[in-house]
């Protein structure tokens, strides 16, 4: 998908903050980007990572829109702070984390919002990185209506009983049997959350349950290797894995 642009076509994009129903009937602010001048758009819900509803998430949303997708990125941390992304995510950490129930309801709200738009083709995928990757896997297993899911280095999919909490009462891996859509996983072999052993555990569970999945695991890359604004960035691994994500969404959301 990279640089395969039809230079003869009109190109335009809109990016704005919208609101839709989220957890407990509240209205959740959502960053929405989409191409303009096009109809029958496939859509993506991008769940923010623990650094928050930040500039990187917004730029990533626009990059997907550059490739022809409408993207909704809900502010799953708005209950904790109305300040900067860093202030909100730190407040969420101090409170024990965003509740899985609330995040899933916000994610379902974004899904319903996207499907209701006149430019939607009715297909929606979900993707997340870091804690957002964990949430994307959880959404794939517990939220009805998605067509595919991408987990990018989601830490905490596998959790011991000691790691469970009121905000995270069930390990997402325990919902694996409920997964009924294709799943793509992107992982770095130098990561510590999830470790390669935890990725092995998830893959074994997916195989045992007969699920439709594909994992891509990269040497020389750790956590967050798409984050070009940090030392974690790994150019070759990031570009290769992003191409796989675009191809995956193309297969399951557009064709």
Foldseek 3Di string as FASTA:
>chain_A
DPPPDDPVDDWDKDWDWDWWAFPPRDIWIKIKMAIPPAAAFFEEEEEEALLFPAPVSNVVQVVVRVVGYIYIYTRLQVVQDPDHSNNSSVSQVVVVHRALRRSLRRSLRVLVVQCPDRRHNQAYEYEYFACSLQSQLLNQLPPPRHAEYERELYFQLDDDCVPADRRRNDRVLVSLLSHDHEYEYEAEQAEVRPHPVVVVVSVVSNVVSVHHYYYDYHYPAYGPCLPPVDPRHDPVSNVVVVVVVVVVCCVRGPD
